[in-house]
C-alpha atoms as a PDB file:
ATOM      1  CA  MET A   1      93.284 132.064 100.100  1.00  0.00           C
ATOM      2  CA  LYS A   2      89.744 132.893  98.935  1.00  0.00           C
ATOM      3  CA  ASN A   3      89.064 132.324  95.243  1.00  0.00           C
ATOM      4  CA  ARG A   4      85.396 132.885  94.476  1.00  0.00           C
ATOM      5  CA  ILE A   5      85.421 132.503  90.695  1.00  0.00           C
ATOM      6  CA  VAL A   6      83.487 129.415  89.606  1.00  0.00           C
ATOM      7  CA  LYS A   7      83.337 128.072  86.072  1.00  0.00           C
ATOM      8  CA  SER A   8      82.936 124.744  84.322  1.00  0.00           C
ATOM      9  CA  GLY A   9      85.768 122.511  85.466  1.00  0.00           C
ATOM     10  CA  SER A  10      86.114 124.143  88.866  1.00  0.00           C
ATOM     11  CA  LEU A  11      86.257 121.899  91.882  1.00  0.00           C
ATOM     12  CA  LEU A  12      84.148 122.860  94.872  1.00  0.00           C
ATOM     13  CA  ILE A  13      85.754 121.516  98.026  1.00  0.00           C
ATOM     14  CA  SER A  14      83.570 121.734 101.112  1.00  0.00           C
ATOM     15  CA  GLU A  15      85.040 123.445 104.112  1.00  0.00           C
ATOM     16  CA  PRO A  16      85.569 120.966 106.960  1.00  0.00           C
ATOM     17  CA  PHE A  17      82.521 121.977 109.013  1.00  0.00           C
ATOM     18  CA  LEU A  18      79.950 122.711 106.299  1.00  0.00           C
ATOM     19  CA  GLY A  19      77.148 121.151 108.328  1.00  0.00           C
ATOM     20  CA  ASP A  20      75.218 119.707 105.366  1.00  0.00           C
ATOM     21  CA  PRO A  21      75.335 115.885 105.400  1.00  0.00           C
ATOM     22  CA  ASN A  22      74.781 115.831 101.613  1.00  0.00           C
ATOM     23  CA  PHE A  23      78.103 117.580 101.123  1.00  0.00           C
ATOM     24  CA  ASP A  24      80.204 116.655 104.163  1.00  0.00           C
ATOM     25  CA  ARG A  25      83.852 116.753 103.004  1.00  0.00           C
ATOM     26  CA  SER A  26      82.733 116.656  99.396  1.00  0.00           C
ATOM     27  CA  VAL A  27      84.593 117.433  96.215  1.00  0.00           C
ATOM     28  CA  ILE A  28      82.294 118.486  93.385  1.00  0.00           C
ATOM     29  CA  ILE A  29      83.213 119.121  89.773  1.00  0.00           C
ATOM     30  CA  ILE A  30      81.198 121.934  88.245  1.00  0.00           C
ATOM     31  CA  CYS A  31      79.952 120.829  84.835  1.00  0.00           C
ATOM     32  CA  GLU A  32      77.971 123.955  84.073  1.00  0.00           C
ATOM     33  CA  HIS A  33      77.841 127.378  85.722  1.00  0.00           C
ATOM     34  CA  ASP A  34      75.871 130.458  84.765  1.00  0.00           C
ATOM     35  CA  ASP A  35      75.201 133.349  87.133  1.00  0.00           C
ATOM     36  CA  THR A  36      71.664 133.781  85.798  1.00  0.00           C
ATOM     37  CA  ARG A  37      70.651 130.138  85.299  1.00  0.00           C
ATOM     38  CA  GLY A  38      72.500 128.407  88.129  1.00  0.00           C
ATOM     39  CA  SER A  39      75.027 125.613  88.438  1.00  0.00           C
ATOM     40  CA  PHE A  40      75.215 121.862  87.886  1.00  0.00           C
ATOM     41  CA  GLY A  41      77.874 119.571  89.308  1.00  0.00           C
ATOM     42  CA  LEU A  42      78.741 116.034  90.347  1.00  0.00           C
ATOM     43  CA  VAL A  43      80.050 114.942  93.740  1.00  0.00           C
ATOM     44  CA  LEU A  44      83.222 113.007  93.019  1.00  0.00           C
ATOM     45  CA  ASN A  45      83.782 111.333  96.374  1.00  0.00           C
ATOM     46  CA  GLN A  46      80.452 109.833  97.388  1.00  0.00           C
ATOM     47  CA  THR A  47      79.776 106.271  96.375  1.00  0.00           C
ATOM     48  CA  SER A  48      76.497 104.444  96.053  1.00  0.00           C
ATOM     49  CA  LYS A  49      75.885 100.756  96.731  1.00  0.00           C
ATOM     50  CA  HIS A  50      75.162 100.159  93.047  1.00  0.00           C
ATOM     51  CA  LEU A  51      77.009  99.300  89.878  1.00  0.00           C
ATOM     52  CA  LEU A  52      76.167 100.724  86.470  1.00  0.00           C
ATOM     53  CA  ALA A  53      74.660  97.356  85.431  1.00  0.00           C
ATOM     54  CA  ASP A  54      72.189  97.639  88.343  1.00  0.00           C
ATOM     55  CA  VAL A  55      70.441 100.656  86.798  1.00  0.00           C
ATOM     56  CA  LEU A  56      70.411  99.634  83.118  1.00  0.00           C
ATOM     57  CA  GLU A  57      68.131  97.217  81.322  1.00  0.00           C
ATOM     58  CA  GLU A  58      70.951  95.782  79.226  1.00  0.00           C
ATOM     59  CA  ASN A  59      74.010  93.993  80.585  1.00  0.00           C
ATOM     60  CA  ILE A  60      77.256  95.819  81.178  1.00  0.00           C
ATOM     61  CA  TYR A  61      80.045  93.343  81.695  1.00  0.00           C
ATOM     62  CA  PRO A  62      82.723  95.239  83.607  1.00  0.00           C
ATOM     63  CA  ASP A  63      81.792  96.332  87.113  1.00  0.00           C
ATOM     64  CA  ILE A  64      81.499 100.104  86.953  1.00  0.00           C
ATOM     65  CA  PRO A  65      80.779 101.608  90.392  1.00  0.00           C
ATOM     66  CA  LEU A  66      78.143 104.320  90.559  1.00  0.00           C
ATOM     67  CA  GLY A  67      78.935 107.445  92.477  1.00  0.00           C
ATOM     68  CA  THR A  68      76.271 109.621  94.050  1.00  0.00           C
ATOM     69  CA  GLY A  69      76.497 112.830  92.057  1.00  0.00           C
ATOM     70  CA  GLY A  70      74.326 114.674  94.520  1.00  0.00           C
ATOM     71  CA  PRO A  71      70.932 114.747  96.190  1.00  0.00           C
ATOM     72  CA  VAL A  72      68.990 116.010  93.148  1.00  0.00           C
ATOM     73  CA  GLY A  73      67.531 113.796  90.421  1.00  0.00           C
ATOM     74  CA  GLN A  74      68.371 110.428  91.922  1.00  0.00           C
ATOM     75  CA  ASN A  75      66.715 108.837  88.887  1.00  0.00           C
ATOM     76  CA  THR A  76      69.204 110.407  86.450  1.00  0.00           C
ATOM     77  CA  LEU A  77      72.497 108.983  85.197  1.00  0.00           C
ATOM     78  CA  HIS A  78      75.553 111.117  84.358  1.00  0.00           C
ATOM     79  CA  PHE A  79      79.099 110.316  83.351  1.00  0.00           C
ATOM     80  CA  LEU A  80      82.562 111.803  83.009  1.00  0.00           C
ATOM     81  CA  HIS A  81      85.235 110.291  80.794  1.00  0.00           C
ATOM     82  CA  ARG A  82      88.680 110.901  79.385  1.00  0.00           C
ATOM     83  CA  ARG A  83      88.284 109.216  76.001  1.00  0.00           C
ATOM     84  CA  PRO A  84      86.951 111.762  73.480  1.00  0.00           C
ATOM     85  CA  ASP A  85      88.662 109.684  70.779  1.00  0.00           C
ATOM     86  CA  LEU A  86      86.094 106.938  71.474  1.00  0.00           C
ATOM     87  CA  ILE A  87      83.047 108.809  72.813  1.00  0.00           C
ATOM     88  CA  GLU A  88      81.623 111.573  70.679  1.00  0.00           C
ATOM     89  CA  GLY A  89      79.397 114.363  71.889  1.00  0.00           C
ATOM     90  CA  GLY A  90      81.061 115.018  75.250  1.00  0.00           C
ATOM     91  CA  LEU A  91      81.815 118.498  76.490  1.00  0.00           C
ATOM     92  CA  GLU A  92      85.346 119.156  77.752  1.00  0.00           C
ATOM     93  CA  ILE A  93      84.850 120.827  81.140  1.00  0.00           C
ATOM     94  CA  ALA A  94      88.457 120.601  82.378  1.00  0.00           C
ATOM     95  CA  LYS A  95      91.722 119.572  80.794  1.00  0.00           C
ATOM     96  CA  GLY A  96      91.196 115.970  79.715  1.00  0.00           C
ATOM     97  CA  VAL A  97      87.785 115.659  81.462  1.00  0.00           C
ATOM     98  CA  PHE A  98      84.660 115.259  79.345  1.00  0.00           C
ATOM     99  CA  TRP A  99      81.058 115.381  80.547  1.00  0.00           C
ATOM    100  CA  GLY A 100      78.501 113.253  78.737  1.00  0.00           C
ATOM    101  CA  GLY A 101      78.441 112.059  75.161  1.00  0.00           C
ATOM    102  CA  ASN A 102      76.973 109.153  73.237  1.00  0.00           C
ATOM    103  CA  PHE A 103      75.938 106.774  76.020  1.00  0.00           C
ATOM    104  CA  GLN A 104      74.876 104.003  73.625  1.00  0.00           C
ATOM    105  CA  LYS A 105      78.451 104.001  72.355  1.00  0.00           C
ATOM    106  CA  VAL A 106      79.763 103.953  75.953  1.00  0.00           C
ATOM    107  CA  LYS A 107      77.820 100.752  76.654  1.00  0.00           C
ATOM    108  CA  GLU A 108      79.144  99.099  73.480  1.00  0.00           C
ATOM    109  CA  LEU A 109      82.719 100.172  74.225  1.00  0.00           C
ATOM    110  CA  LEU A 110      82.540  98.883  77.790  1.00  0.00           C
ATOM    111  CA  ASN A 111      81.173  95.519  76.700  1.00  0.00           C
ATOM    112  CA  ASN A 112      83.873  94.990  74.076  1.00  0.00           C
ATOM    113  CA  SER A 113      86.648  96.256  76.421  1.00  0.00           C
ATOM    114  CA  ALA A 114      87.574  99.179  74.166  1.00  0.00           C
ATOM    115  CA  LEU A 115      86.650 101.558  77.017  1.00  0.00           C
ATOM    116  CA  LEU A 116      88.259 100.650  80.313  1.00  0.00           C
ATOM    117  CA  PRO A 117      86.549 101.231  83.680  1.00  0.00           C
ATOM    118  CA  LYS A 118      89.445 103.497  84.735  1.00  0.00           C
ATOM    119  CA  ASP A 119      88.516 105.937  81.949  1.00  0.00           C
ATOM    120  CA  ILE A 120      84.914 106.616  82.984  1.00  0.00           C
ATOM    121  CA  ARG A 121      83.072 107.705  86.141  1.00  0.00           C
ATOM    122  CA  CYS A 122      79.300 107.216  86.356  1.00  0.00           C
ATOM    123  CA  PHE A 123      76.913 108.899  88.804  1.00  0.00           C
ATOM    124  CA  ILE A 124      73.302 108.771  89.853  1.00  0.00           C
ATOM    125  CA  GLY A 125      71.881 112.151  90.744  1.00  0.00           C
ATOM    126  CA  TYR A 126      73.557 115.525  90.657  1.00  0.00           C
ATOM    127  CA  SER A 127      74.169 118.674  92.648  1.00  0.00           C
ATOM    128  CA  GLY A 128      72.373 121.822  91.566  1.00  0.00           C
ATOM    129  CA  TRP A 129      72.185 125.446  92.590  1.00  0.00           C
ATOM    130  CA  SER A 130      69.660 128.022  91.438  1.00  0.00           C
ATOM    131  CA  ALA A 131      70.808 131.412  90.132  1.00  0.00           C
ATOM    132  CA  GLY A 132      72.790 133.193  92.837  1.00  0.00           C
ATOM    133  CA  GLN A 133      72.658 130.318  95.321  1.00  0.00           C
ATOM    134  CA  LEU A 134      76.229 129.105  94.815  1.00  0.00           C
ATOM    135  CA  THR A 135      77.536 132.687  94.881  1.00  0.00           C
ATOM    136  CA  ALA A 136      75.836 133.198  98.245  1.00  0.00           C
ATOM    137  CA  GLU A 137      77.374 129.975  99.601  1.00  0.00           C
ATOM    138  CA  LEU A 138      80.808 131.091  98.411  1.00  0.00           C
ATOM    139  CA  GLN A 139      80.370 134.431 100.171  1.00  0.00           C
ATOM    140  CA  LYS A 140      79.689 132.477 103.383  1.00  0.00           C
ATOM    141  CA  ASP A 141      82.974 130.589 102.830  1.00  0.00           C
ATOM    142  CA  SER A 142      81.184 127.233 102.557  1.00  0.00           C
ATOM    143  CA  TRP A 143      83.402 126.107  99.682  1.00  0.00           C
ATOM    144  CA  PHE A 144      86.993 126.344  98.537  1.00  0.00           C
ATOM    145  CA  ILE A 145      87.570 126.437  94.785  1.00  0.00           C
ATOM    146  CA  GLY A 146      90.163 124.290  93.069  1.00  0.00           C
ATOM    147  CA  LYS A 147      91.019 123.290  89.533  1.00  0.00           C
ATOM    148  CA  ALA A 148      90.081 119.920  88.062  1.00  0.00           C
ATOM    149  CA  ASP A 149      92.198 117.811  85.745  1.00  0.00           C
ATOM    150  CA  SER A 150      92.086 114.274  84.430  1.00  0.00           C
ATOM    151  CA  ASP A 151      94.446 112.856  87.073  1.00  0.00           C
ATOM    152  CA  THR A 152      92.364 114.296  89.926  1.00  0.00           C
ATOM    153  CA  ILE A 153      89.124 112.895  88.520  1.00  0.00           C
ATOM    154  CA  PHE A 154      90.323 109.482  87.359  1.00  0.00           C
ATOM    155  CA  GLU A 155      93.458 108.596  89.329  1.00  0.00           C
ATOM    156  CA  ILE A 156      92.988 109.718  92.951  1.00  0.00           C
ATOM    157  CA  PRO A 157      90.982 107.174  94.974  1.00  0.00           C
ATOM    158  CA  THR A 158      87.490 108.368  95.886  1.00  0.00           C
ATOM    159  CA  LYS A 159      87.900 107.727  99.600  1.00  0.00           C
ATOM    160  CA  GLY A 160      90.813 110.125 100.090  1.00  0.00           C
ATOM    161  CA  LEU A 161      89.890 112.674  97.429  1.00  0.00           C
ATOM    162  CA  TRP A 162      88.852 115.556  99.738  1.00  0.00           C
ATOM    163  CA  ARG A 163      92.105 115.398 101.648  1.00  0.00           C
ATOM    164  CA  SER A 164      94.278 114.836  98.560  1.00  0.00           C
ATOM    165  CA  VAL A 165      92.800 117.775  96.669  1.00  0.00           C
ATOM    166  CA  LEU A 166      93.351 120.136  99.594  1.00  0.00           C
ATOM    167  CA  LYS A 167      96.916 118.901 100.143  1.00  0.00           C
ATOM    168  CA  ASN A 168      97.692 119.356  96.440  1.00  0.00           C
ATOM    169  CA  MET A 169      96.424 122.948  96.619  1.00  0.00           C
ATOM    170  CA  GLY A 170      99.271 123.660  99.067  1.00  0.00           C
ATOM    171  CA  GLY A 171      99.691 126.472 101.563  1.00  0.00           C
ATOM    172  CA  ASP A 172      96.981 126.802 104.218  1.00  0.00           C
ATOM    173  CA  PHE A 173      94.938 124.142 102.428  1.00  0.00           C
ATOM    174  CA  LYS A 174      97.466 121.492 103.513  1.00  0.00           C
ATOM    175  CA  VAL A 175      96.628 122.351 107.133  1.00  0.00           C
ATOM    176  CA  ILE A 176      92.883 122.231 106.467  1.00  0.00           C
ATOM    177  CA  ALA A 177      93.294 118.777 104.871  1.00  0.00           C
ATOM    178  CA  ASN A 178      94.278 117.458 108.297  1.00  0.00           C
ATOM    179  CA  TYR A 179      91.330 118.890 110.254  1.00  0.00           C
ATOM    180  CA  PRO A 180      89.747 116.078 112.234  1.00  0.00           C
ATOM    181  CA  VAL A 181      86.142 115.136 111.488  1.00  0.00           C
ATOM    182  CA  ASP A 182      85.316 115.657 115.165  1.00  0.00           C
ATOM    183  CA  PRO A 183      87.773 118.092 116.826  1.00  0.00           C
ATOM    184  CA  SER A 184      86.434 117.207 120.286  1.00  0.00           C
ATOM    185  CA  LEU A 185      88.076 113.772 119.918  1.00  0.00           C
ATOM    186  CA  ASN A 186      91.502 115.343 119.495  1.00  0.00           C
END
């Protein structure tokens, strides 16, 4: 059940009792991983109270919710998309999932409805690990590792993502998906 190989496009799924409120029942997509430089990822299932238009100077007409990508760099904006045909410069980190690209073009495409809100996820902040830190956390069994794809990132509702990802992984993970938040209430 233990897969400890992390790479770009891996999903980190927190074990049910991680004990870190920043990552409680979190699903994180790893955008960049290097054993000597560290890792960078975005929490996929934490929402902020803001919309994309709230953090930009110019108007964005569709309401694009902002996720909280993690506790680091809360003044930074990041995005994932599935439209490389429209947005150049993105890096494919998982099948059909692109990280970054020409953000000026993203704003134009959103405002003229060529890019639909369902095809982009925006985040403030990110999750980061220094060299060796994520490996140490994996050795302590703090995270399960899954595989990202476009449907997982863009189709599964944020609220139930942790549970859905674990259930889709099958086997013992289906049991873990049903662990109660507080077992003493069972």
